[in-house]
Amino acid sequence: MTKVGRMSNDSVYAVLNCDDILHEILLRLPPSTISKLIIVSKRWLRVICSSSFRRCYLNQWGQNYRLLGFFVCNFLYLGRPRDGYRRPRSEPALPLLSTCKEGDDLKLSGILKQLGYFIDCSHGIILSGFHPKTYYVYNTVTKQKFQLPEPQQFYKSLCMALIVEEYLDGDTCYKVIRARCECKLKERNTVSIETFSSKTGNWRQTTLMCSTSFALRPRTAAMVVRGVVHWFAMWGKLAIYDPCLGDRCIALIRLPAGVLTHEHEESVLGESSDGLVQYGQSNNLGLEIWILEKDAGANPSIYSNCTHLSYKWILRWRLNFKTLWKQIPSLSTHSKETQILSFLPQNSTSVFIRSGWNICLCDLETKTVEIVNYQGRGASISWESSKVVPYFLPAWPHSSSVS
């Protein structure tokens, strides 16, 4: 080898041996490539799995997710009095309709039998338990289970929220919010909430106020977008609470009425790919997807003032279910049962819909649909009294050896 060739090889080695330069090179590679490079060396594994690189990479490319299956929560059992409906022993408290081997492994591990009923999930964290006293948080990535201390307040009827945050040191922190729902619709402009923080390990009671009377919809879980909590409220409204503002206020926004001719059978919330709140509603004819946008020049905090909001709903998609039935004729036999099921995380172009016991992935741009295969297909699920939620894990290399 010539002297020039040796100098060139030494220069390349020196460049790739510098973490900062390697960091900048890897940032320019697409997501389809980055996950394969962890096998190059232990050093590359350490750099790619570090929280600092992950944060920079996801800010540039966005987060990808992989579907493990669908959790089923039957409202007939969750939060009911002791003399109410009893779950038969043959029915698991936390069913998972698995869609892959990783979902199968989660079912076979036996951990789901220890968690009670499903409540919510976010970023691989599962919130479950037995209202109104016993709650569990389970991290699927680290396989750590934690039982929350018993709440201080008793709420006969309530709704929940799960906020998952990651900090600079790579630690995953979370908050669990319990919000009281009034059984009798009274003229109230306050709501009592209780918040558990994994940082403090304690519950803290707070009273939130609104400029007008409202009531939260019971037995629901909030949609959290960039740390802001969104609950369905009664009378066709959305209740919004930003814990970071510290002003203990709730904003009310009327949901879009849309142009669907029949009463809505299903409505769901999600986060769009551009970080906005999206709302989906459906009946047996079709579905509509709306995006909540701020007016130009609005305050950087989405809902900084609960009495002077500047916002508007924008209709982004409208789809007639007959278009889908032409692709898969078997779906037309369940036409009266077709409904929107859930959004995908940080996705503006795809939704899950249900037709009978079929779960389908619908592409709103191409107006195409494909059936999602899951274990338990055709099982006796009470769709009218159950909430079916897709369970995703962040698709990012994970190494237990990386601090």
Protein backbone atom coordinates (compact mmCIF):
# COMPACT_ATOMS: atom_id res chain seq x y z
CA MET A 1 0.00 0.00 0.00
CA THR A 2 1.30 3.46 -0.88
CA LYS A 3 1.98 6.14 1.67
CA VAL A 4 -0.93 8.18 0.32
CA GLY A 5 -3.24 5.17 0.67
CA ARG A 6 -2.17 4.57 4.28
CA MET A 7 -2.73 8.24 5.12
CA SER A 8 -6.20 8.09 3.55
CA ASN A 9 -7.15 4.98 5.57
CA ASP A 10 -5.80 6.55 8.75
CA SER A 11 -7.87 9.68 8.08
CA VAL A 12 -11.06 7.68 7.57
CA TYR A 13 -10.38 5.70 10.75
CA ALA A 14 -9.74 8.91 12.69
CA VAL A 15 -13.01 10.40 11.43
CA LEU A 16 -15.11 7.34 12.28
CA ASN A 17 -13.40 7.03 15.65
CA CYS A 18 -14.73 10.43 16.71
CA ASP A 19 -18.18 10.16 18.32
CA ASP A 20 -19.19 13.68 17.33
CA ILE A 21 -18.36 13.14 13.64
CA LEU A 22 -19.96 9.68 13.64
CA HIS A 23 -23.03 11.27 15.24
CA GLU A 24 -23.32 13.78 12.37
CA ILE A 25 -22.82 11.11 9.69
CA LEU A 26 -25.48 8.80 11.15
CA LEU A 27 -27.99 11.65 11.36
CA ARG A 28 -28.02 11.78 7.57
CA LEU A 29 -29.01 8.14 7.09
CA PRO A 30 -32.71 7.19 6.53
CA PRO A 31 -34.69 5.20 9.15
CA SER A 32 -34.64 2.07 6.96
CA THR A 33 -30.85 1.98 7.33
CA ILE A 34 -30.10 3.24 10.82
CA SER A 35 -31.48 0.24 12.73
CA LYS A 36 -29.25 -2.16 10.77
CA LEU A 37 -26.04 -0.39 11.75
CA ILE A 38 -26.10 -1.39 15.42
CA ILE A 39 -24.35 -4.66 14.46
CA VAL A 40 -21.29 -2.86 13.05
CA SER A 41 -19.62 -2.58 16.45
CA LYS A 42 -20.33 -2.05 20.14
CA ARG A 43 -19.35 1.59 19.69
CA TRP A 44 -21.90 2.16 16.94
CA LEU A 45 -24.52 0.40 19.09
CA ARG A 46 -23.70 2.74 21.99
CA VAL A 47 -23.93 5.88 19.82
CA ILE A 48 -27.18 4.90 18.07
CA CYS A 49 -28.90 3.78 21.28
CA SER A 50 -27.86 6.86 23.27
CA SER A 51 -30.69 9.17 24.29
CA SER A 52 -28.94 12.26 22.84
CA PHE A 53 -28.60 10.71 19.36
CA ARG A 54 -32.12 9.27 19.46
CA ARG A 55 -33.56 12.68 20.29
CA CYS A 56 -31.65 14.45 17.50
CA TYR A 57 -32.51 11.73 14.99
CA LEU A 58 -36.23 11.67 15.80
CA ASN A 59 -36.44 15.47 15.63
CA GLN A 60 -35.09 15.25 12.10
CA TRP A 61 -36.75 12.09 10.76
CA GLY A 62 -39.73 11.53 13.05
CA GLN A 63 -40.64 8.47 15.10
CA ASN A 64 -41.59 5.10 13.60
CA TYR A 65 -43.73 2.56 15.44
CA ARG A 66 -44.41 -1.15 15.21
CA LEU A 67 -47.81 -2.68 15.97
CA LEU A 68 -47.93 -5.48 18.56
CA GLY A 69 -51.69 -5.93 18.59
CA PHE A 70 -54.92 -4.51 19.97
CA PHE A 71 -55.88 -4.22 23.64
CA VAL A 72 -59.54 -4.76 24.53
CA CYS A 73 -61.18 -3.05 27.48
CA ASN A 74 -64.74 -4.09 28.31
CA PHE A 75 -66.61 -1.22 29.98
CA LEU A 76 -69.10 -3.67 31.49
CA TYR A 77 -66.47 -4.55 34.11
CA LEU A 78 -64.26 -1.46 34.42
CA GLY A 79 -65.34 0.72 37.34
CA ARG A 80 -68.63 -1.09 37.92
CA PRO A 81 -70.02 -1.69 41.44
CA ARG A 82 -69.50 -5.05 43.08
CA ASP A 83 -73.08 -6.08 42.41
CA GLY A 84 -72.71 -5.23 38.70
CA TYR A 85 -71.56 -7.37 35.81
CA ARG A 86 -69.00 -10.04 36.66
CA ARG A 87 -66.29 -11.07 34.22
CA PRO A 88 -66.37 -14.81 33.49
CA ARG A 89 -63.16 -16.65 34.33
CA SER A 90 -62.80 -17.74 30.72
CA GLU A 91 -62.39 -14.11 29.65
CA PRO A 92 -59.02 -12.45 30.46
CA ALA A 93 -59.10 -9.07 32.15
CA LEU A 94 -56.58 -7.62 29.68
CA PRO A 95 -57.05 -9.33 26.28
CA LEU A 96 -54.46 -8.64 23.58
CA LEU A 97 -55.32 -9.40 19.96
CA SER A 98 -51.75 -10.07 18.87
CA THR A 99 -50.59 -9.20 15.34
CA CYS A 100 -46.95 -10.40 15.49
CA LYS A 101 -44.52 -12.67 17.33
CA GLU A 102 -43.58 -9.88 19.75
CA GLY A 103 -47.26 -9.57 20.66
CA ASP A 104 -47.44 -13.34 21.11
CA ASP A 105 -44.43 -13.21 23.44
CA LEU A 106 -46.10 -10.46 25.50
CA LYS A 107 -49.20 -12.64 25.94
CA LEU A 108 -47.20 -15.75 26.80
CA SER A 109 -45.07 -13.90 29.37
CA GLY A 110 -48.03 -13.88 31.77
CA ILE A 111 -47.54 -10.23 32.75
CA LEU A 112 -50.91 -9.17 31.29
CA LYS A 113 -52.69 -11.40 33.83
CA GLN A 114 -51.16 -9.29 36.62
CA LEU A 115 -52.21 -5.86 35.37
CA GLY A 116 -56.00 -5.75 35.71
CA TYR A 117 -58.10 -3.96 33.10
CA PHE A 118 -56.66 -1.86 30.29
CA ILE A 119 -56.97 1.92 30.68
CA ASP A 120 -54.47 3.58 28.33
CA CYS A 121 -51.04 3.22 26.70
CA SER A 122 -48.35 5.54 25.32
CA HIS A 123 -44.77 5.06 24.05
CA GLY A 124 -44.71 1.43 25.20
CA ILE A 125 -46.08 2.28 28.68
CA ILE A 126 -49.30 0.48 29.68
CA LEU A 127 -51.66 1.97 32.29
CA SER A 128 -54.08 -0.54 33.76
CA GLY A 129 -55.75 -1.52 37.03
CA PHE A 130 -59.01 -1.63 38.94
CA HIS A 131 -60.96 1.58 39.52
CA PRO A 132 -60.98 3.41 41.82
CA LYS A 133 -57.94 2.41 43.96
CA THR A 134 -55.50 0.05 42.23
CA TYR A 135 -53.40 1.10 39.23
CA TYR A 136 -50.35 -0.37 37.50
CA VAL A 137 -47.82 1.02 35.06
CA TYR A 138 -45.88 -1.48 32.92
CA ASN A 139 -42.95 -0.64 30.62
CA THR A 140 -42.85 -3.21 27.82
CA VAL A 141 -39.31 -2.24 26.78
CA THR A 142 -37.68 -2.53 30.21
CA LYS A 143 -40.23 -5.14 31.44
CA GLN A 144 -40.69 -3.21 34.70
CA LYS A 145 -44.00 -3.21 36.54
CA PHE A 146 -44.92 -0.59 39.13
CA GLN A 147 -48.01 -0.36 41.32
CA LEU A 148 -49.05 3.19 42.05
CA PRO A 149 -49.83 4.14 45.64
CA GLU A 150 -53.53 4.25 46.48
CA PRO A 151 -55.16 7.55 45.39
CA GLN A 152 -56.28 9.95 48.09
CA GLN A 153 -59.61 10.90 46.51
CA PHE A 154 -62.58 8.64 45.77
CA TYR A 155 -64.22 9.28 42.40
CA LYS A 156 -67.27 7.13 41.71
CA SER A 157 -67.10 8.02 38.02
CA LEU A 158 -63.92 9.25 36.36
CA CYS A 159 -61.82 9.58 33.23
CA MET A 160 -58.04 9.21 32.94
CA ALA A 161 -54.95 10.55 31.20
CA LEU A 162 -51.42 9.15 30.77
CA ILE A 163 -48.56 11.55 29.99
CA VAL A 164 -45.19 9.98 29.07
CA GLU A 165 -42.09 12.18 28.82
CA GLU A 166 -38.41 11.51 28.16
CA TYR A 167 -35.73 13.76 29.61
CA LEU A 168 -32.18 14.59 28.57
CA ASP A 169 -30.67 11.84 30.72
CA GLY A 170 -32.76 9.23 28.90
CA ASP A 171 -35.07 8.56 31.84
CA THR A 172 -38.73 7.96 31.00
CA CYS A 173 -41.07 9.78 33.37
CA TYR A 174 -44.84 9.71 33.40
CA LYS A 175 -47.89 11.28 34.98
CA VAL A 176 -51.27 9.65 35.61
CA ILE A 177 -54.30 11.93 35.92
CA ARG A 178 -57.65 10.95 37.39
CA ALA A 179 -60.47 13.41 36.67
CA ARG A 180 -63.80 13.29 38.44
CA CYS A 181 -66.93 12.95 36.31
CA GLU A 182 -70.29 13.99 37.69
CA CYS A 183 -72.94 11.30 37.43
CA LYS A 184 -75.66 13.97 37.37
CA LEU A 185 -75.17 16.72 34.81
CA LYS A 186 -75.15 19.83 36.95
CA GLU A 187 -74.18 23.37 36.08
CA ARG A 188 -70.52 23.26 37.13
CA ASN A 189 -67.46 25.10 35.91
CA THR A 190 -64.92 23.17 38.00
CA VAL A 191 -63.54 19.64 38.01
CA SER A 192 -61.45 17.85 40.63
CA ILE A 193 -58.37 15.99 39.37
CA GLU A 194 -55.65 13.97 41.07
CA THR A 195 -52.21 13.66 39.47
CA PHE A 196 -49.54 11.06 40.17
CA SER A 197 -45.97 11.87 39.10
CA SER A 198 -43.25 9.24 38.80
CA LYS A 199 -40.80 11.96 39.83
CA THR A 200 -42.37 12.56 43.24
CA GLY A 201 -44.07 9.19 43.73
CA ASN A 202 -47.14 10.93 45.16
CA TRP A 203 -50.67 11.95 44.19
CA ARG A 204 -51.56 15.65 44.19
CA GLN A 205 -55.15 16.94 44.19
CA THR A 206 -56.08 20.01 42.12
CA THR A 207 -59.27 21.81 41.11
CA LEU A 208 -59.48 23.01 37.51
CA MET A 209 -61.75 25.87 36.44
CA CYS A 210 -63.46 26.77 33.19
CA SER A 211 -65.15 29.97 32.03
CA THR A 212 -68.38 28.03 31.28
CA SER A 213 -70.14 25.00 32.72
CA PHE A 214 -69.08 21.58 31.46
CA ALA A 215 -68.88 17.89 32.32
CA LEU A 216 -66.29 15.31 31.25
CA ARG A 217 -67.38 12.11 29.54
CA PRO A 218 -66.89 9.20 32.00
CA ARG A 219 -64.91 6.01 31.40
CA THR A 220 -62.71 7.55 28.71
CA ALA A 221 -58.96 8.13 28.36
CA ALA A 222 -57.50 11.42 27.19
CA MET A 223 -55.50 12.03 24.03
CA VAL A 224 -52.20 13.68 24.98
CA VAL A 225 -50.52 15.74 22.26
CA ARG A 226 -47.19 17.35 23.18
CA GLY A 227 -48.02 17.22 26.88
CA VAL A 228 -51.49 18.79 26.46
CA VAL A 229 -54.45 16.70 27.69
CA HIS A 230 -57.61 16.43 25.56
CA TRP A 231 -60.75 14.89 27.08
CA PHE A 232 -64.10 14.32 25.43
CA ALA A 233 -66.71 16.43 27.25
CA MET A 234 -70.48 16.28 27.24
CA TRP A 235 -72.61 18.28 24.82
CA GLY A 236 -70.28 17.82 21.85
CA LYS A 237 -67.22 19.58 23.27
CA LEU A 238 -63.53 18.94 23.83
CA ALA A 239 -61.95 19.81 27.20
CA ILE A 240 -58.28 20.82 27.04
CA TYR A 241 -55.84 21.04 29.94
CA ASP A 242 -52.15 21.97 29.77
CA PRO A 243 -50.40 20.90 33.01
CA CYS A 244 -47.28 22.89 32.07
CA LEU A 245 -49.06 26.25 32.23
CA GLY A 246 -49.83 25.97 35.93
CA ASP A 247 -52.94 28.17 35.68
CA ARG A 248 -55.32 25.34 36.59
CA CYS A 249 -57.68 26.20 33.74
CA ILE A 250 -59.59 24.08 31.26
CA ALA A 251 -60.46 25.29 27.77
CA LEU A 252 -63.60 24.13 25.98
CA ILE A 253 -63.76 23.76 22.21
CA ARG A 254 -66.85 22.63 20.35
CA LEU A 255 -66.26 19.56 18.21
CA PRO A 256 -66.96 19.88 14.49
CA ALA A 257 -70.51 18.92 13.60
CA GLY A 258 -69.53 17.81 10.09
CA VAL A 259 -71.97 16.98 7.34
CA LEU A 260 -72.68 13.34 8.13
CA THR A 261 -76.41 12.88 7.92
CA HIS A 262 -76.78 10.42 10.79
CA GLU A 263 -75.84 10.58 14.42
CA HIS A 264 -72.16 9.74 15.03
CA GLU A 265 -71.62 6.17 16.09
CA GLU A 266 -67.96 6.60 16.96
CA SER A 267 -65.54 9.45 17.58
CA VAL A 268 -61.79 9.26 18.27
CA LEU A 269 -58.88 11.62 18.89
CA GLY A 270 -55.30 11.38 17.68
CA GLU A 271 -52.12 13.26 16.84
CA SER A 272 -51.34 14.19 13.26
CA SER A 273 -47.91 13.86 11.67
CA ASP A 274 -47.45 17.63 12.04
CA GLY A 275 -48.16 17.56 15.79
CA LEU A 276 -51.78 18.77 15.74
CA VAL A 277 -54.91 17.33 17.35
CA GLN A 278 -57.04 15.37 14.92
CA TYR A 279 -60.62 14.26 15.40
CA GLY A 280 -62.36 11.43 13.58
CA GLN A 281 -66.06 10.62 13.51
CA SER A 282 -68.02 7.95 11.66
CA ASN A 283 -71.44 6.45 11.10
CA ASN A 284 -72.54 3.53 8.95
CA LEU A 285 -72.09 5.63 5.79
CA GLY A 286 -68.55 6.89 6.15
CA LEU A 287 -66.02 8.87 8.16
CA GLU A 288 -64.58 12.36 8.46
CA ILE A 289 -61.19 13.49 9.77
CA TRP A 290 -60.71 17.03 11.13
CA ILE A 291 -57.56 18.88 12.23
CA LEU A 292 -57.51 21.55 14.95
CA GLU A 293 -55.34 24.41 13.71
CA LYS A 294 -54.28 27.66 15.36
CA ASP A 295 -54.78 30.91 13.54
CA ALA A 296 -51.63 32.63 12.31
CA GLY A 297 -50.00 34.75 15.00
CA ALA A 298 -51.51 32.79 17.90
CA ASN A 299 -49.55 32.27 21.11
CA PRO A 300 -46.86 29.54 20.84
CA SER A 301 -48.61 27.70 23.66
CA ILE A 302 -51.56 26.03 21.91
CA TYR A 303 -54.13 26.87 24.58
CA SER A 304 -52.49 29.58 26.67
CA ASN A 305 -55.72 31.43 27.40
CA CYS A 306 -58.90 29.55 28.11
CA THR A 307 -61.21 32.48 27.44
CA HIS A 308 -59.64 33.94 24.28
CA LEU A 309 -58.80 30.99 22.07
CA SER A 310 -57.87 31.40 18.42
CA TYR A 311 -58.48 28.10 16.62
CA LYS A 312 -60.42 26.45 13.81
CA TRP A 313 -61.33 22.93 12.70
CA ILE A 314 -60.18 22.03 9.18
CA LEU A 315 -61.76 19.10 7.36
CA ARG A 316 -58.86 17.04 6.01
CA TRP A 317 -60.48 13.79 4.84
CA ARG A 318 -63.94 12.46 4.03
CA LEU A 319 -64.48 8.85 2.95
CA ASN A 320 -67.54 6.81 2.03
CA PHE A 321 -67.36 3.22 3.24
CA LYS A 322 -68.86 1.97 -0.04
CA THR A 323 -65.53 2.81 -1.69
CA LEU A 324 -63.84 0.29 0.61
CA TRP A 325 -66.50 -2.39 0.24
CA LYS A 326 -65.83 -2.51 -3.52
CA GLN A 327 -62.25 -3.58 -2.77
CA ILE A 328 -63.20 -6.24 -0.23
CA PRO A 329 -66.78 -7.39 -0.91
CA SER A 330 -66.88 -9.45 2.29
CA LEU A 331 -66.88 -6.19 4.30
CA SER A 332 -70.26 -5.20 2.87
CA THR A 333 -71.94 -7.96 4.88
CA HIS A 334 -71.04 -5.98 8.02
CA SER A 335 -71.84 -2.55 6.54
CA LYS A 336 -74.03 -1.46 9.44
CA GLU A 337 -71.22 -2.24 11.89
CA THR A 338 -68.42 -0.37 10.10
CA GLN A 339 -66.86 2.42 12.19
CA ILE A 340 -63.64 4.27 12.78
CA LEU A 341 -61.63 2.52 15.47
CA SER A 342 -58.43 4.48 16.10
CA PHE A 343 -55.73 6.68 14.63
CA LEU A 344 -52.14 5.56 14.24
CA PRO A 345 -49.56 7.45 16.36
CA GLN A 346 -48.42 10.71 14.74
CA ASN A 347 -50.05 9.75 11.45
CA SER A 348 -52.33 11.89 9.26
CA THR A 349 -53.02 9.50 6.39
CA SER A 350 -54.05 6.18 7.96
CA VAL A 351 -56.74 4.97 10.37
CA PHE A 352 -57.96 1.67 11.73
CA ILE A 353 -61.60 0.88 11.03
CA ARG A 354 -63.77 -2.04 12.09
CA SER A 355 -66.24 -3.93 9.96
CA GLY A 356 -67.87 -6.70 11.96
CA TRP A 357 -65.00 -8.54 13.65
CA ASN A 358 -62.58 -7.46 10.90
CA ILE A 359 -60.01 -4.78 11.77
CA CYS A 360 -58.77 -2.95 8.70
CA LEU A 361 -56.03 -0.43 7.99
CA CYS A 362 -57.32 2.31 5.73
CA ASP A 363 -55.08 4.62 3.67
CA LEU A 364 -56.96 7.90 3.36
CA GLU A 365 -54.82 9.23 0.51
CA THR A 366 -55.25 6.26 -1.82
CA LYS A 367 -58.64 5.21 -0.40
CA THR A 368 -57.41 1.63 -0.11
CA VAL A 369 -57.92 -0.83 2.73
CA GLU A 370 -56.27 -4.02 3.95
CA ILE A 371 -57.43 -6.46 6.60
CA VAL A 372 -55.17 -6.74 9.65
CA ASN A 373 -54.67 -10.33 10.78
CA TYR A 374 -54.73 -10.84 14.53
CA GLN A 375 -54.90 -13.75 16.95
CA GLY A 376 -58.40 -14.25 18.29
CA ARG A 377 -59.96 -13.52 14.92
CA GLY A 378 -63.69 -14.04 15.15
CA ALA A 379 -63.55 -14.15 18.96
CA SER A 380 -66.64 -13.17 20.91
CA ILE A 381 -65.78 -9.52 21.58
CA SER A 382 -68.60 -7.27 22.76
CA TRP A 383 -67.78 -4.41 20.38
CA GLU A 384 -70.64 -2.24 21.65
CA SER A 385 -69.35 -2.24 25.24
CA SER A 386 -65.61 -2.46 24.54
CA LYS A 387 -62.82 -0.10 23.61
CA VAL A 388 -60.27 -1.60 21.21
CA VAL A 389 -56.93 0.24 21.16
CA PRO A 390 -53.89 -0.51 18.97
CA TYR A 391 -50.70 -1.07 20.95
CA PHE A 392 -47.52 0.29 19.37
CA LEU A 393 -43.90 0.28 20.48
CA PRO A 394 -41.43 2.92 19.29
CA ALA A 395 -39.36 1.30 16.53
CA TRP A 396 -35.92 2.25 17.80
CA PRO A 397 -32.92 0.03 18.66
CA HIS A 398 -32.73 -0.65 22.38
CA SER A 399 -29.74 -1.94 24.31
CA SER A 400 -29.88 -2.77 28.00
CA SER A 401 -26.14 -2.19 28.19
CA VAL A 402 -26.52 1.48 27.27
CA SER A 403 -27.02 3.75 30.23
